[in-house]
Amino acid sequence: MDRLIAHDWAGNVRDLENAFERALILFRKGPLDFRELSDYSSRGGEQVAGSTSQFVSEESLKLDSVIADHILKVLEITGGKVAGKNSAFRILGVHPATLRHRMRKLGIPFGRRPAIP
C-alpha cells in the first residue's frame, strides 16, 4: 500500500488502473505485488535502464502477447468454446464477434475443424 501511495501517478487514474490490471495478471495466486512500480519512471511508464526483471521477458510484456495468453487460457477452460453457454466470451465479458475478431488479429485459431476423411 505504501508503494502505491508513494508512486507519482501524475494525476492519471489510468496508470493506477493499469498497475492493478498488471498485478492481477502477474499474481493470480496469492497477494498482489507492486514491486514493479519502483522499476518505472513517472514519465509515461518508461522503464528505468537496467531494471528489467530476470523473471519477465520483453516479449511477455507486450500487450498482444498478454492478451493472447489470457484468451488461450480461457479457451482451455472452456474446451475451445468461443460462444454459447459456458463459453469464453462469457468469461471474458466481451461480445462473441469482438472475441473472434481479436483472435483473428492475434492468430488464434477457432471454429470447427474440417472432418478428416
N, C-alpha and C. Protein backbone atom coordinates (compact mmCIF):
# COMPACT_ATOMS: atom_id res chain seq x y z
N MET A 1 0.83 -1.20 0.00
CA MET A 1 0.00 0.00 0.00
C MET A 1 0.87 1.26 0.00
N ASP A 2 1.96 1.23 0.77
CA ASP A 2 2.86 2.38 0.83
C ASP A 2 3.46 2.67 -0.54
N ARG A 3 3.79 1.62 -1.28
CA ARG A 3 4.38 1.79 -2.61
C ARG A 3 3.36 2.46 -3.55
N LEU A 4 2.08 2.06 -3.46
CA LEU A 4 1.05 2.67 -4.30
C LEU A 4 0.88 4.15 -3.97
N ILE A 5 0.89 4.46 -2.70
CA ILE A 5 0.70 5.85 -2.27
C ILE A 5 1.91 6.70 -2.65
N ALA A 6 3.11 6.15 -2.53
CA ALA A 6 4.34 6.90 -2.80
C ALA A 6 4.60 7.11 -4.29
N HIS A 7 4.01 6.27 -5.14
CA HIS A 7 4.28 6.37 -6.58
C HIS A 7 3.70 7.67 -7.15
N ASP A 8 4.41 8.30 -8.08
CA ASP A 8 3.95 9.53 -8.72
C ASP A 8 3.02 9.17 -9.87
N TRP A 9 1.71 9.29 -9.64
CA TRP A 9 0.72 8.91 -10.65
C TRP A 9 0.47 10.03 -11.65
N ALA A 10 1.01 11.18 -11.42
CA ALA A 10 0.88 12.32 -12.34
C ALA A 10 -0.59 12.61 -12.67
N GLY A 11 -1.47 12.36 -11.73
CA GLY A 11 -2.88 12.68 -11.92
C GLY A 11 -3.59 11.77 -12.90
N ASN A 12 -3.01 10.65 -13.24
CA ASN A 12 -3.59 9.78 -14.25
C ASN A 12 -4.14 8.52 -13.61
N VAL A 13 -5.46 8.43 -13.54
CA VAL A 13 -6.12 7.28 -12.94
C VAL A 13 -5.90 6.03 -13.79
N ARG A 14 -5.71 6.19 -15.10
CA ARG A 14 -5.47 5.03 -15.98
C ARG A 14 -4.17 4.32 -15.61
N ASP A 15 -3.17 5.08 -15.18
CA ASP A 15 -1.91 4.45 -14.74
C ASP A 15 -2.16 3.55 -13.54
N LEU A 16 -2.96 4.04 -12.61
CA LEU A 16 -3.30 3.25 -11.42
C LEU A 16 -4.09 1.99 -11.82
N GLU A 17 -5.06 2.17 -12.71
CA GLU A 17 -5.85 1.04 -13.19
C GLU A 17 -4.95 0.00 -13.88
N ASN A 18 -4.03 0.47 -14.73
CA ASN A 18 -3.11 -0.43 -15.42
C ASN A 18 -2.21 -1.17 -14.44
N ALA A 19 -1.77 -0.50 -13.39
CA ALA A 19 -0.93 -1.15 -12.39
C ALA A 19 -1.69 -2.30 -11.71
N PHE A 20 -2.97 -2.07 -11.41
CA PHE A 20 -3.77 -3.13 -10.80
C PHE A 20 -4.02 -4.26 -11.78
N GLU A 21 -4.34 -3.95 -13.03
CA GLU A 21 -4.57 -5.00 -14.03
C GLU A 21 -3.32 -5.85 -14.21
N ARG A 22 -2.16 -5.21 -14.27
CA ARG A 22 -0.90 -5.93 -14.42
C ARG A 22 -0.66 -6.84 -13.22
N ALA A 23 -0.89 -6.32 -12.03
CA ALA A 23 -0.70 -7.13 -10.82
C ALA A 23 -1.66 -8.31 -10.80
N LEU A 24 -2.90 -8.10 -11.25
CA LEU A 24 -3.87 -9.20 -11.29
C LEU A 24 -3.43 -10.29 -12.27
N ILE A 25 -2.81 -9.90 -13.37
CA ILE A 25 -2.34 -10.88 -14.36
C ILE A 25 -1.11 -11.61 -13.83
N LEU A 26 -0.18 -10.88 -13.24
CA LEU A 26 1.08 -11.48 -12.81
C LEU A 26 0.96 -12.29 -11.52
N PHE A 27 0.05 -11.92 -10.65
CA PHE A 27 -0.06 -12.56 -9.35
C PHE A 27 -1.45 -13.16 -9.17
N ARG A 28 -1.79 -14.11 -10.03
CA ARG A 28 -3.12 -14.75 -9.99
C ARG A 28 -3.37 -15.49 -8.68
N LYS A 29 -2.35 -16.12 -8.16
CA LYS A 29 -2.49 -16.88 -6.92
C LYS A 29 -1.67 -16.20 -5.85
N GLY A 30 -2.34 -15.67 -4.87
CA GLY A 30 -1.61 -15.00 -3.80
C GLY A 30 -1.88 -13.51 -3.81
N PRO A 31 -1.26 -12.80 -2.88
CA PRO A 31 -1.49 -11.36 -2.78
C PRO A 31 -0.87 -10.61 -3.96
N LEU A 32 -1.48 -9.48 -4.29
CA LEU A 32 -0.94 -8.63 -5.36
C LEU A 32 0.37 -8.01 -4.89
N ASP A 33 1.27 -7.83 -5.83
CA ASP A 33 2.57 -7.27 -5.52
C ASP A 33 2.85 -6.13 -6.50
N PHE A 34 3.27 -4.99 -5.99
CA PHE A 34 3.50 -3.83 -6.83
C PHE A 34 4.98 -3.45 -6.87
N ARG A 35 5.86 -4.45 -6.76
CA ARG A 35 7.31 -4.19 -6.80
C ARG A 35 7.73 -3.48 -8.07
N GLU A 36 7.07 -3.80 -9.19
CA GLU A 36 7.47 -3.20 -10.47
C GLU A 36 7.25 -1.70 -10.52
N LEU A 37 6.48 -1.14 -9.63
CA LEU A 37 6.28 0.31 -9.63
C LEU A 37 7.59 1.05 -9.42
N SER A 38 8.48 0.50 -8.64
CA SER A 38 9.75 1.18 -8.42
C SER A 38 10.66 1.07 -9.65
N ASP A 39 10.33 0.15 -10.58
CA ASP A 39 11.14 -0.03 -11.78
C ASP A 39 10.76 0.92 -12.90
N TYR A 40 9.70 1.68 -12.74
CA TYR A 40 9.23 2.57 -13.79
C TYR A 40 9.36 4.01 -13.35
N SER A 41 9.69 4.85 -14.29
CA SER A 41 9.75 6.28 -14.00
C SER A 41 8.34 6.84 -14.07
N SER A 42 8.14 8.04 -13.65
CA SER A 42 6.82 8.65 -13.69
C SER A 42 6.50 9.23 -15.07
N ARG A 43 7.40 9.06 -16.05
CA ARG A 43 7.18 9.60 -17.39
C ARG A 43 6.55 8.56 -18.28
N GLY A 44 5.23 8.36 -18.13
CA GLY A 44 4.50 7.50 -19.05
C GLY A 44 4.88 6.04 -18.98
N GLY A 45 5.39 5.56 -17.86
CA GLY A 45 5.68 4.15 -17.71
C GLY A 45 6.97 3.70 -18.38
N GLU A 46 7.86 4.64 -18.74
CA GLU A 46 9.13 4.24 -19.34
C GLU A 46 9.95 3.50 -18.30
N GLN A 47 10.55 2.43 -18.71
CA GLN A 47 11.33 1.64 -17.77
C GLN A 47 12.69 2.27 -17.54
N VAL A 48 13.12 2.25 -16.30
CA VAL A 48 14.42 2.77 -15.94
C VAL A 48 15.47 1.79 -16.45
N ALA A 49 16.56 2.31 -16.98
CA ALA A 49 17.61 1.46 -17.55
C ALA A 49 18.09 0.43 -16.54
N GLY A 50 18.23 -0.82 -17.01
CA GLY A 50 18.75 -1.89 -16.18
C GLY A 50 17.77 -2.44 -15.16
N SER A 51 16.48 -2.12 -15.28
CA SER A 51 15.52 -2.56 -14.27
C SER A 51 14.66 -3.73 -14.72
N THR A 52 14.92 -4.32 -15.88
CA THR A 52 14.13 -5.44 -16.36
C THR A 52 14.28 -6.61 -15.40
N SER A 53 13.16 -7.14 -14.97
CA SER A 53 13.17 -8.27 -14.05
C SER A 53 13.75 -9.50 -14.73
N GLN A 54 14.49 -10.30 -13.98
CA GLN A 54 15.06 -11.51 -14.55
C GLN A 54 13.98 -12.55 -14.82
N PHE A 55 12.79 -12.37 -14.27
CA PHE A 55 11.72 -13.35 -14.43
C PHE A 55 10.75 -13.00 -15.55
N VAL A 56 10.87 -11.81 -16.14
CA VAL A 56 9.92 -11.36 -17.15
C VAL A 56 10.67 -11.06 -18.44
N SER A 57 10.27 -11.72 -19.53
CA SER A 57 10.91 -11.44 -20.81
C SER A 57 10.25 -10.23 -21.45
N GLU A 58 10.96 -9.60 -22.36
CA GLU A 58 10.41 -8.42 -23.04
C GLU A 58 9.16 -8.80 -23.82
N GLU A 59 9.16 -9.98 -24.46
CA GLU A 59 8.00 -10.43 -25.25
C GLU A 59 6.77 -10.60 -24.37
N SER A 60 6.95 -11.11 -23.15
CA SER A 60 5.80 -11.36 -22.27
C SER A 60 5.18 -10.06 -21.77
N LEU A 61 5.85 -8.94 -21.95
CA LEU A 61 5.31 -7.65 -21.53
C LEU A 61 4.48 -6.98 -22.62
N LYS A 62 4.56 -7.47 -23.84
CA LYS A 62 3.80 -6.87 -24.93
C LYS A 62 2.32 -7.18 -24.73
N LEU A 63 1.49 -6.16 -24.91
CA LEU A 63 0.06 -6.29 -24.64
C LEU A 63 -0.59 -7.40 -25.46
N ASP A 64 -0.26 -7.47 -26.76
CA ASP A 64 -0.85 -8.52 -27.59
C ASP A 64 -0.48 -9.91 -27.08
N SER A 65 0.72 -10.07 -26.58
CA SER A 65 1.17 -11.35 -26.05
C SER A 65 0.39 -11.71 -24.78
N VAL A 66 0.20 -10.73 -23.92
CA VAL A 66 -0.54 -10.96 -22.68
C VAL A 66 -2.00 -11.30 -23.00
N ILE A 67 -2.60 -10.56 -23.92
CA ILE A 67 -3.99 -10.81 -24.30
C ILE A 67 -4.14 -12.20 -24.92
N ALA A 68 -3.23 -12.55 -25.82
CA ALA A 68 -3.30 -13.87 -26.48
C ALA A 68 -3.16 -14.99 -25.44
N ASP A 69 -2.23 -14.85 -24.52
CA ASP A 69 -2.07 -15.86 -23.47
C ASP A 69 -3.33 -16.01 -22.64
N HIS A 70 -3.94 -14.88 -22.30
CA HIS A 70 -5.16 -14.92 -21.48
C HIS A 70 -6.30 -15.58 -22.25
N ILE A 71 -6.48 -15.21 -23.50
CA ILE A 71 -7.53 -15.83 -24.31
C ILE A 71 -7.30 -17.33 -24.42
N LEU A 72 -6.07 -17.75 -24.64
CA LEU A 72 -5.76 -19.18 -24.76
C LEU A 72 -6.06 -19.93 -23.45
N LYS A 73 -5.78 -19.31 -22.32
CA LYS A 73 -6.09 -19.93 -21.03
C LYS A 73 -7.59 -20.10 -20.85
N VAL A 74 -8.34 -19.07 -21.23
CA VAL A 74 -9.80 -19.15 -21.10
C VAL A 74 -10.35 -20.19 -22.07
N LEU A 75 -9.82 -20.26 -23.28
CA LEU A 75 -10.26 -21.28 -24.24
C LEU A 75 -9.96 -22.68 -23.73
N GLU A 76 -8.86 -22.83 -23.03
CA GLU A 76 -8.53 -24.13 -22.44
C GLU A 76 -9.58 -24.51 -21.39
N ILE A 77 -9.98 -23.54 -20.59
CA ILE A 77 -11.01 -23.76 -19.56
C ILE A 77 -12.33 -24.17 -20.19
N THR A 78 -12.69 -23.53 -21.31
CA THR A 78 -13.98 -23.76 -21.94
C THR A 78 -13.94 -24.87 -22.99
N GLY A 79 -12.81 -25.52 -23.14
CA GLY A 79 -12.70 -26.58 -24.14
C GLY A 79 -12.74 -26.03 -25.56
N GLY A 80 -12.27 -24.80 -25.74
CA GLY A 80 -12.22 -24.20 -27.07
C GLY A 80 -13.52 -23.54 -27.50
N LYS A 81 -14.49 -23.51 -26.63
CA LYS A 81 -15.81 -22.94 -26.97
C LYS A 81 -15.76 -21.41 -26.89
N VAL A 82 -15.99 -20.75 -28.02
CA VAL A 82 -15.93 -19.29 -28.09
C VAL A 82 -17.26 -18.66 -27.69
N ALA A 83 -18.38 -19.21 -28.19
CA ALA A 83 -19.70 -18.62 -27.93
C ALA A 83 -20.64 -19.68 -27.38
N GLY A 84 -21.73 -19.22 -26.80
CA GLY A 84 -22.74 -20.12 -26.25
C GLY A 84 -22.62 -20.23 -24.75
N LYS A 85 -23.34 -21.19 -24.20
CA LYS A 85 -23.35 -21.41 -22.76
C LYS A 85 -21.97 -21.92 -22.31
N ASN A 86 -21.51 -21.43 -21.17
CA ASN A 86 -20.21 -21.83 -20.60
C ASN A 86 -19.06 -21.65 -21.61
N SER A 87 -19.01 -20.49 -22.22
CA SER A 87 -18.01 -20.24 -23.27
C SER A 87 -17.08 -19.09 -22.89
N ALA A 88 -16.06 -18.92 -23.72
CA ALA A 88 -15.01 -17.93 -23.47
C ALA A 88 -15.56 -16.50 -23.46
N PHE A 89 -16.48 -16.18 -24.36
CA PHE A 89 -16.94 -14.79 -24.42
C PHE A 89 -17.63 -14.39 -23.12
N ARG A 90 -18.31 -15.32 -22.48
CA ARG A 90 -18.98 -15.01 -21.20
C ARG A 90 -17.96 -14.77 -20.09
N ILE A 91 -16.94 -15.60 -20.05
CA ILE A 91 -15.90 -15.44 -19.02
C ILE A 91 -15.14 -14.13 -19.22
N LEU A 92 -14.82 -13.82 -20.48
CA LEU A 92 -14.04 -12.61 -20.78
C LEU A 92 -14.87 -11.34 -20.75
N GLY A 93 -16.19 -11.48 -20.84
CA GLY A 93 -17.06 -10.31 -20.78
C GLY A 93 -17.03 -9.46 -22.04
N VAL A 94 -16.84 -10.10 -23.19
CA VAL A 94 -16.86 -9.38 -24.47
C VAL A 94 -17.86 -10.05 -25.41
N HIS A 95 -18.31 -9.33 -26.40
CA HIS A 95 -19.22 -9.89 -27.41
C HIS A 95 -18.48 -10.97 -28.20
N PRO A 96 -19.17 -12.06 -28.57
CA PRO A 96 -18.51 -13.13 -29.32
C PRO A 96 -17.82 -12.65 -30.60
N ALA A 97 -18.44 -11.70 -31.31
CA ALA A 97 -17.83 -11.18 -32.54
C ALA A 97 -16.54 -10.43 -32.23
N THR A 98 -16.52 -9.71 -31.11
CA THR A 98 -15.32 -8.99 -30.70
C THR A 98 -14.21 -9.98 -30.35
N LEU A 99 -14.57 -11.04 -29.66
CA LEU A 99 -13.59 -12.06 -29.30
C LEU A 99 -13.02 -12.73 -30.55
N ARG A 100 -13.90 -13.10 -31.49
CA ARG A 100 -13.42 -13.73 -32.73
C ARG A 100 -12.50 -12.78 -33.51
N HIS A 101 -12.86 -11.50 -33.57
CA HIS A 101 -12.04 -10.51 -34.27
C HIS A 101 -10.64 -10.44 -33.63
N ARG A 102 -10.62 -10.37 -32.31
CA ARG A 102 -9.34 -10.28 -31.61
C ARG A 102 -8.52 -11.55 -31.82
N MET A 103 -9.20 -12.70 -31.82
CA MET A 103 -8.50 -13.97 -32.04
C MET A 103 -7.89 -14.01 -33.44
N ARG A 104 -8.65 -13.54 -34.45
CA ARG A 104 -8.10 -13.47 -35.82
C ARG A 104 -6.86 -12.59 -35.85
N LYS A 105 -6.96 -11.43 -35.22
CA LYS A 105 -5.86 -10.47 -35.20
C LYS A 105 -4.62 -11.07 -34.54
N LEU A 106 -4.82 -11.87 -33.49
CA LEU A 106 -3.71 -12.45 -32.75
C LEU A 106 -3.26 -13.80 -33.29
N GLY A 107 -3.97 -14.28 -34.33
CA GLY A 107 -3.60 -15.55 -34.95
C GLY A 107 -4.00 -16.77 -34.14
N ILE A 108 -5.05 -16.64 -33.34
CA ILE A 108 -5.54 -17.76 -32.54
C ILE A 108 -6.66 -18.45 -33.32
N PRO A 109 -6.47 -19.72 -33.67
CA PRO A 109 -7.49 -20.42 -34.46
C PRO A 109 -8.75 -20.69 -33.65
N PHE A 110 -9.89 -20.72 -34.35
CA PHE A 110 -11.15 -21.05 -33.71
C PHE A 110 -12.09 -21.64 -34.75
N GLY A 111 -13.20 -22.13 -34.30
CA GLY A 111 -14.18 -22.72 -35.22
C GLY A 111 -14.01 -24.21 -35.32
N ARG A 112 -14.89 -24.81 -36.06
CA ARG A 112 -14.84 -26.27 -36.23
C ARG A 112 -13.71 -26.65 -37.16
N ARG A 113 -13.08 -27.71 -36.81
CA ARG A 113 -12.02 -28.24 -37.68
C ARG A 113 -12.66 -29.10 -38.74
N PRO A 114 -12.13 -29.06 -39.94
CA PRO A 114 -12.70 -29.88 -41.00
C PRO A 114 -12.55 -31.36 -40.66
N ALA A 115 -13.57 -32.11 -41.02
CA ALA A 115 -13.56 -33.55 -40.75
C ALA A 115 -12.48 -34.22 -41.60
N ILE A 116 -11.77 -35.13 -40.99
CA ILE A 116 -10.73 -35.87 -41.71
C ILE A 116 -11.38 -37.09 -42.36
N PRO A 117 -11.25 -37.23 -43.70
CA PRO A 117 -11.92 -38.36 -44.38
C PRO A 117 -11.30 -39.70 -44.07
